[in-house]
C-alpha atoms as a PDB file:
ATOM      1  CA  MET A   1     -49.307  13.248  38.907  1.00  0.00           C
ATOM      2  CA  PRO A   2     -47.295  16.376  37.996  1.00  0.00           C
ATOM      3  CA  PRO A   3     -43.882  16.820  39.660  1.00  0.00           C
ATOM      4  CA  ILE A   4     -43.696  19.068  42.676  1.00  0.00           C
ATOM      5  CA  PRO A   5     -42.220  22.451  41.779  1.00  0.00           C
ATOM      6  CA  GLY A   6     -38.618  22.687  42.935  1.00  0.00           C
ATOM      7  CA  SER A   7     -38.156  18.910  43.389  1.00  0.00           C
ATOM      8  CA  GLY A   8     -35.335  18.824  40.839  1.00  0.00           C
ATOM      9  CA  LEU A   9     -33.511  21.602  42.679  1.00  0.00           C
ATOM     10  CA  ALA A  10     -33.935  19.763  45.972  1.00  0.00           C
ATOM     11  CA  LYS A  11     -32.483  16.545  44.507  1.00  0.00           C
ATOM     12  CA  GLY A  12     -29.501  18.430  43.120  1.00  0.00           C
ATOM     13  CA  LEU A  13     -28.832  20.124  46.455  1.00  0.00           C
ATOM     14  CA  ALA A  14     -29.081  16.750  48.221  1.00  0.00           C
ATOM     15  CA  VAL A  15     -26.396  15.309  45.944  1.00  0.00           C
ATOM     16  CA  THR A  16     -24.216  18.376  46.575  1.00  0.00           C
ATOM     17  CA  LEU A  17     -24.590  18.074  50.354  1.00  0.00           C
ATOM     18  CA  ARG A  18     -23.764  14.330  50.298  1.00  0.00           C
ATOM     19  CA  THR A  19     -20.630  15.026  48.232  1.00  0.00           C
ATOM     20  CA  MET A  20     -19.505  17.861  50.490  1.00  0.00           C
ATOM     21  CA  THR A  21     -19.448  15.596  53.533  1.00  0.00           C
ATOM     22  CA  LYS A  22     -17.212  12.976  51.903  1.00  0.00           C
ATOM     23  CA  ARG A  23     -13.448  13.168  52.078  1.00  0.00           C
ATOM     24  CA  SER A  24     -11.851  13.933  48.718  1.00  0.00           C
ATOM     25  CA  HIS A  25      -9.263  11.565  47.235  1.00  0.00           C
ATOM     26  CA  THR A  26      -6.823  13.968  45.630  1.00  0.00           C
ATOM     27  CA  ALA A  27      -3.609  12.483  44.259  1.00  0.00           C
ATOM     28  CA  GLN A  28      -0.716  14.711  45.291  1.00  0.00           C
ATOM     29  CA  TYR A  29       1.127  14.474  41.980  1.00  0.00           C
ATOM     30  CA  PRO A  30       4.095  14.871  41.419  1.00  0.00           C
ATOM     31  CA  GLU A  31       5.019  14.307  45.062  1.00  0.00           C
ATOM     32  CA  VAL A  32       3.091  11.021  45.019  1.00  0.00           C
ATOM     33  CA  GLN A  33       3.446   8.982  41.845  1.00  0.00           C
ATOM     34  CA  PRO A  34       0.290   7.357  40.478  1.00  0.00           C
ATOM     35  CA  GLU A  35      -0.012   3.581  40.679  1.00  0.00           C
ATOM     36  CA  LEU A  36      -0.315   2.673  37.012  1.00  0.00           C
ATOM     37  CA  PRO A  37      -1.059  -0.788  35.621  1.00  0.00           C
ATOM     38  CA  PRO A  38       2.177  -2.550  34.616  1.00  0.00           C
ATOM     39  CA  ARG A  39       1.284  -2.562  30.886  1.00  0.00           C
ATOM     40  CA  SER A  40       0.249   1.094  30.691  1.00  0.00           C
ATOM     41  CA  ARG A  41       0.735   2.953  27.422  1.00  0.00           C
ATOM     42  CA  GLY A  42       3.283   5.601  28.316  1.00  0.00           C
ATOM     43  CA  VAL A  43       6.037   5.799  25.736  1.00  0.00           C
ATOM     44  CA  ILE A  44       7.340   3.435  23.050  1.00  0.00           C
ATOM     45  CA  GLY A  45      10.749   1.791  23.357  1.00  0.00           C
ATOM     46  CA  LEU A  46      12.803   0.454  20.438  1.00  0.00           C
ATOM     47  CA  PHE A  47      14.764  -2.806  20.608  1.00  0.00           C
ATOM     48  CA  GLU A  48      16.991  -1.945  17.680  1.00  0.00           C
ATOM     49  CA  GLU A  49      18.586  -5.381  17.268  1.00  0.00           C
ATOM     50  CA  ASN A  50      15.213  -6.856  16.281  1.00  0.00           C
ATOM     51  CA  CYS A  51      14.365  -4.189  13.699  1.00  0.00           C
ATOM     52  CA  THR A  52      14.713  -5.416  10.091  1.00  0.00           C
ATOM     53  CA  VAL A  53      13.550  -2.115   8.527  1.00  0.00           C
ATOM     54  CA  CYS A  54      10.450  -3.809   7.121  1.00  0.00           C
ATOM     55  CA  MET A  55       8.609  -0.443   7.411  1.00  0.00           C
ATOM     56  CA  LEU A  56       5.370  -2.103   8.578  1.00  0.00           C
ATOM     57  CA  CYS A  57       5.102   0.171  11.608  1.00  0.00           C
ATOM     58  CA  ALA A  58       5.558   3.334   9.537  1.00  0.00           C
ATOM     59  CA  ARG A  59       3.089   2.185   6.858  1.00  0.00           C
ATOM     60  CA  GLU A  60       0.369   1.201   9.345  1.00  0.00           C
ATOM     61  CA  CYS A  61       0.718   4.291  11.568  1.00  0.00           C
ATOM     62  CA  PRO A  62      -2.485   6.346  11.130  1.00  0.00           C
ATOM     63  CA  ASP A  63      -0.698   9.559  12.152  1.00  0.00           C
ATOM     64  CA  TRP A  64       2.469   9.043  10.067  1.00  0.00           C
ATOM     65  CA  CYS A  65       4.576   9.917  13.091  1.00  0.00           C
ATOM     66  CA  ILE A  66       7.272   7.229  12.581  1.00  0.00           C
ATOM     67  CA  TYR A  67      10.301   8.183  10.487  1.00  0.00           C
ATOM     68  CA  ILE A  68      12.651   5.466   9.250  1.00  0.00           C
ATOM     69  CA  ASP A  69      15.741   5.800   7.063  1.00  0.00           C
ATOM     70  CA  SER A  70      17.936   2.901   5.975  1.00  0.00           C
ATOM     71  CA  HIS A  71      20.413   1.767   3.359  1.00  0.00           C
ATOM     72  CA  LYS A  72      21.280  -1.562   1.791  1.00  0.00           C
ATOM     73  CA  GLU A  73      24.524  -3.313   2.641  1.00  0.00           C
ATOM     74  CA  THR A  74      26.010  -6.178   0.643  1.00  0.00           C
ATOM     75  CA  LEU A  75      27.290  -9.135   2.629  1.00  0.00           C
ATOM     76  CA  PRO A  76      29.941 -11.464   1.175  1.00  0.00           C
ATOM     77  CA  ALA A  77      29.079 -15.065   0.390  1.00  0.00           C
ATOM     78  CA  ALA A  78      29.019 -17.325   3.436  1.00  0.00           C
ATOM     79  CA  ALA A  79      30.610 -20.208   1.519  1.00  0.00           C
ATOM     80  CA  PRO A  80      32.892 -20.341  -1.523  1.00  0.00           C
ATOM     81  CA  GLY A  81      30.824 -20.206  -4.684  1.00  0.00           C
ATOM     82  CA  GLY A  82      27.816 -18.807  -2.824  1.00  0.00           C
ATOM     83  CA  ARG A  83      25.855 -15.692  -3.605  1.00  0.00           C
ATOM     84  CA  GLU A  84      26.329 -12.291  -2.041  1.00  0.00           C
ATOM     85  CA  ARG A  85      23.408 -11.196   0.090  1.00  0.00           C
ATOM     86  CA  SER A  86      22.057  -7.758   0.806  1.00  0.00           C
ATOM     87  CA  ARG A  87      20.422  -6.578   4.004  1.00  0.00           C
ATOM     88  CA  ASN A  88      18.829  -3.380   5.234  1.00  0.00           C
ATOM     89  CA  VAL A  89      20.752  -1.339   7.775  1.00  0.00           C
ATOM     90  CA  LEU A  90      18.833   1.063  10.015  1.00  0.00           C
ATOM     91  CA  ASP A  91      20.079   4.655   9.824  1.00  0.00           C
ATOM     92  CA  ARG A  92      17.267   6.489  11.567  1.00  0.00           C
ATOM     93  CA  PHE A  93      14.229   5.474  13.614  1.00  0.00           C
ATOM     94  CA  ALA A  94      12.277   8.303  15.183  1.00  0.00           C
ATOM     95  CA  ILE A  95       8.796   8.720  16.663  1.00  0.00           C
ATOM     96  CA  ASP A  96       7.140  12.124  16.927  1.00  0.00           C
ATOM     97  CA  PHE A  97       5.162  11.903  20.171  1.00  0.00           C
ATOM     98  CA  SER A  98       3.525  15.264  19.511  1.00  0.00           C
ATOM     99  CA  LEU A  99       1.616  13.501  16.709  1.00  0.00           C
ATOM    100  CA  CYS A 100       1.322  10.000  18.201  1.00  0.00           C
ATOM    101  CA  MET A 101      -2.152   9.052  19.453  1.00  0.00           C
ATOM    102  CA  TYR A 102      -0.893   5.994  21.390  1.00  0.00           C
ATOM    103  CA  CYS A 103      -3.059   3.534  19.484  1.00  0.00           C
ATOM    104  CA  GLY A 104      -0.381   0.805  19.648  1.00  0.00           C
ATOM    105  CA  ILE A 105      -0.824  -0.317  16.037  1.00  0.00           C
ATOM    106  CA  CYS A 106       2.930  -0.062  15.379  1.00  0.00           C
ATOM    107  CA  ILE A 107       3.644  -2.416  18.290  1.00  0.00           C
ATOM    108  CA  GLU A 108       0.975  -4.893  17.220  1.00  0.00           C
ATOM    109  CA  VAL A 109       2.052  -5.108  13.562  1.00  0.00           C
ATOM    110  CA  CYS A 110       5.801  -5.411  14.239  1.00  0.00           C
ATOM    111  CA  PRO A 111       6.597  -9.016  13.234  1.00  0.00           C
ATOM    112  CA  PHE A 112       9.958  -9.108  15.010  1.00  0.00           C
ATOM    113  CA  ASP A 113       9.117  -7.612  18.439  1.00  0.00           C
ATOM    114  CA  ALA A 114      11.186  -4.465  18.009  1.00  0.00           C
ATOM    115  CA  LEU A 115       8.702  -2.052  19.632  1.00  0.00           C
ATOM    116  CA  PHE A 116       7.405  -2.197  23.219  1.00  0.00           C
ATOM    117  CA  TRP A 117       5.207  -0.158  25.525  1.00  0.00           C
ATOM    118  CA  SER A 118       6.835   1.464  28.541  1.00  0.00           C
ATOM    119  CA  PRO A 119       4.677   2.813  31.405  1.00  0.00           C
ATOM    120  CA  GLU A 120       6.868   5.935  31.657  1.00  0.00           C
ATOM    121  CA  PHE A 121       4.832   9.063  30.938  1.00  0.00           C
ATOM    122  CA  GLU A 122       6.922  11.941  32.276  1.00  0.00           C
ATOM    123  CA  TYR A 123       8.626  13.184  29.135  1.00  0.00           C
ATOM    124  CA  ALA A 124       6.953  16.546  28.606  1.00  0.00           C
ATOM    125  CA  GLU A 125       9.062  19.201  26.903  1.00  0.00           C
ATOM    126  CA  THR A 126       8.885  22.974  26.619  1.00  0.00           C
ATOM    127  CA  ASP A 127       9.801  22.748  22.919  1.00  0.00           C
ATOM    128  CA  ILE A 128       7.561  20.636  20.680  1.00  0.00           C
ATOM    129  CA  HIS A 129      10.558  19.629  18.548  1.00  0.00           C
ATOM    130  CA  GLU A 130      12.010  17.800  21.548  1.00  0.00           C
ATOM    131  CA  LEU A 131       9.067  15.371  21.453  1.00  0.00           C
ATOM    132  CA  THR A 132      10.569  13.681  18.387  1.00  0.00           C
ATOM    133  CA  HIS A 133      12.589  10.877  19.973  1.00  0.00           C
ATOM    134  CA  GLU A 134      15.401   9.479  17.863  1.00  0.00           C
ATOM    135  CA  ARG A 135      16.541   5.863  18.106  1.00  0.00           C
ATOM    136  CA  ASP A 136      19.043   6.533  20.913  1.00  0.00           C
ATOM    137  CA  LYS A 137      16.287   7.979  23.077  1.00  0.00           C
ATOM    138  CA  LEU A 138      13.883   5.182  22.084  1.00  0.00           C
ATOM    139  CA  ARG A 139      16.542   2.626  23.066  1.00  0.00           C
ATOM    140  CA  GLU A 140      16.823   4.222  26.527  1.00  0.00           C
ATOM    141  CA  TRP A 141      13.107   3.663  27.073  1.00  0.00           C
ATOM    142  CA  MET A 142      13.657  -0.097  26.701  1.00  0.00           C
ATOM    143  CA  TRP A 143      15.179  -0.155  30.207  1.00  0.00           C
ATOM    144  CA  THR A 144      11.784   0.855  31.596  1.00  0.00           C
ATOM    145  CA  VAL A 145       9.735  -1.794  29.760  1.00  0.00           C
ATOM    146  CA  PRO A 146       8.273  -4.250  32.306  1.00  0.00           C
ATOM    147  CA  ALA A 147       8.720  -7.983  31.948  1.00  0.00           C
ATOM    148  CA  PRO A 148       5.885  -9.785  30.160  1.00  0.00           C
ATOM    149  CA  PRO A 149       3.266 -11.434  32.341  1.00  0.00           C
ATOM    150  CA  ALA A 150       3.789 -15.065  33.260  1.00  0.00           C
ATOM    151  CA  LEU A 151       2.252 -17.674  31.001  1.00  0.00           C
ATOM    152  CA  ASP A 152      -0.861 -19.503  32.069  1.00  0.00           C
ATOM    153  CA  PRO A 153       0.307 -22.834  33.557  1.00  0.00           C
ATOM    154  CA  ALA A 154      -2.622 -24.607  31.881  1.00  0.00           C
ATOM    155  CA  ALA A 155      -1.815 -23.183  28.436  1.00  0.00           C
ATOM    156  CA  GLU A 156      -0.383 -25.243  25.599  1.00  0.00           C
ATOM    157  CA  GLU A 157       3.347 -25.295  25.123  1.00  0.00           C
ATOM    158  CA  PRO A 158       4.379 -22.716  22.490  1.00  0.00           C
ATOM    159  CA  LYS A 159       5.004 -24.288  19.085  1.00  0.00           C
ATOM    160  CA  GLU A 160       8.501 -22.833  18.877  1.00  0.00           C
ATOM    161  CA  ILE A 161       9.521 -24.391  22.202  1.00  0.00           C
ATOM    162  CA  ALA A 162       7.934 -27.739  21.295  1.00  0.00           C
ATOM    163  CA  ALA A 163       9.764 -27.784  17.943  1.00  0.00           C
ATOM    164  CA  ALA A 164      13.073 -26.872  19.610  1.00  0.00           C
ATOM    165  CA  ARG A 165      12.601 -29.571  22.268  1.00  0.00           C
ATOM    166  CA  LYS A 166      11.871 -32.215  19.613  1.00  0.00           C
ATOM    167  CA  ALA A 167      14.948 -31.146  17.647  1.00  0.00           C
ATOM    168  CA  VAL A 168      17.115 -31.455  20.774  1.00  0.00           C
ATOM    169  CA  GLU A 169      15.674 -34.902  21.577  1.00  0.00           C
ATOM    170  CA  LYS A 170      16.271 -36.046  17.990  1.00  0.00           C
ATOM    171  CA  ALA A 171      19.863 -34.790  18.104  1.00  0.00           C
ATOM    172  CA  GLU A 172      20.457 -36.519  21.457  1.00  0.00           C
ATOM    173  CA  THR A 173      19.054 -39.789  20.098  1.00  0.00           C
ATOM    174  CA  ALA A 174      21.266 -39.545  17.005  1.00  0.00           C
ATOM    175  CA  ALA A 175      24.314 -38.775  19.164  1.00  0.00           C
ATOM    176  CA  ALA A 176      23.567 -41.763  21.429  1.00  0.00           C
ATOM    177  CA  ALA A 177      23.182 -44.032  18.393  1.00  0.00           C
ATOM    178  CA  ALA A 178      26.450 -42.753  16.929  1.00  0.00           C
ATOM    179  CA  ALA A 179      28.221 -43.320  20.265  1.00  0.00           C
ATOM    180  CA  ALA A 180      26.842 -46.881  20.458  1.00  0.00           C
ATOM    181  CA  ALA A 181      27.971 -47.571  16.883  1.00  0.00           C
ATOM    182  CA  ALA A 182      31.424 -46.189  17.639  1.00  0.00           C
ATOM    183  CA  ALA A 183      31.654 -48.345  20.774  1.00  0.00           C
ATOM    184  CA  ALA A 184      30.621 -51.433  18.788  1.00  0.00           C
ATOM    185  CA  GLU A 185      33.310 -50.735  16.179  1.00  0.00           C
ATOM    186  CA  ALA A 186      35.912 -50.235  18.907  1.00  0.00           C
ATOM    187  CA  ASN A 187      35.085 -53.643  20.455  1.00  0.00           C
ATOM    188  CA  PRO A 188      34.369 -56.011  17.547  1.00  0.00           C
ATOM    189  CA  ASP A 189      34.840 -59.115  19.754  1.00  0.00           C
ATOM    190  CA  THR A 190      31.764 -58.248  21.787  1.00  0.00           C
ATOM    191  CA  THR A 191      28.786 -59.930  20.267  1.00  0.00           C
ATOM    192  CA  PRO A 192      25.384 -58.420  20.856  1.00  0.00           C
ATOM    193  CA  PRO A 193      23.117 -60.477  23.096  1.00  0.00           C
ATOM    194  CA  ALA A 194      20.745 -62.808  21.314  1.00  0.00           C
ATOM    195  CA  PRO A 195      17.150 -61.671  21.364  1.00  0.00           C
ATOM    196  CA  GLU A 196      14.870 -63.550  23.745  1.00  0.00           C
ATOM    197  CA  GLY A 197      13.072 -66.574  22.358  1.00  0.00           C
ATOM    198  CA  ASP A 198      15.974 -67.669  20.111  1.00  0.00           C
ATOM    199  CA  ALA A 199      17.454 -71.007  20.979  1.00  0.00           C
END
């Protein structure tokens, strides 16, 4: 059966009339701030103390918007007769947010947790050059990074925590054994009790 002429127009008008009778939900930004998810991708914060200048973030960035400069510093030997060590010192860490596409690859590949997402998004500038945030500005964004979500109570204990707990228990056992040995040496007259079953 062929469609009735004008039926498409009637359907379109019906949708328009239904929409006109509904109340609109307009967000009155900037007077009313949007309710964003806590892990929204707004801006990237830098935790400088964790950065080892490994350059992974800059190498993996598809937009090449991360600029890192560093120099090597020689550290004296920790013990007499030891070797001097060299380490990288961060001179510059900048992200050009006019180029960034907010893919999050830099945060994912960072092996030392030096980069974090902040939900802050109000950093528009009138000059495009101001969108290049140097490390001081990136450090300020760290104050707006939300706390990580709580761990699942049914999840396995992290390997790092389990290893640390075992090391502490081993050290406590060794300390208790050393204290018992020291107490036995201090009181040589005290003889240990005979094991059960010996006559």
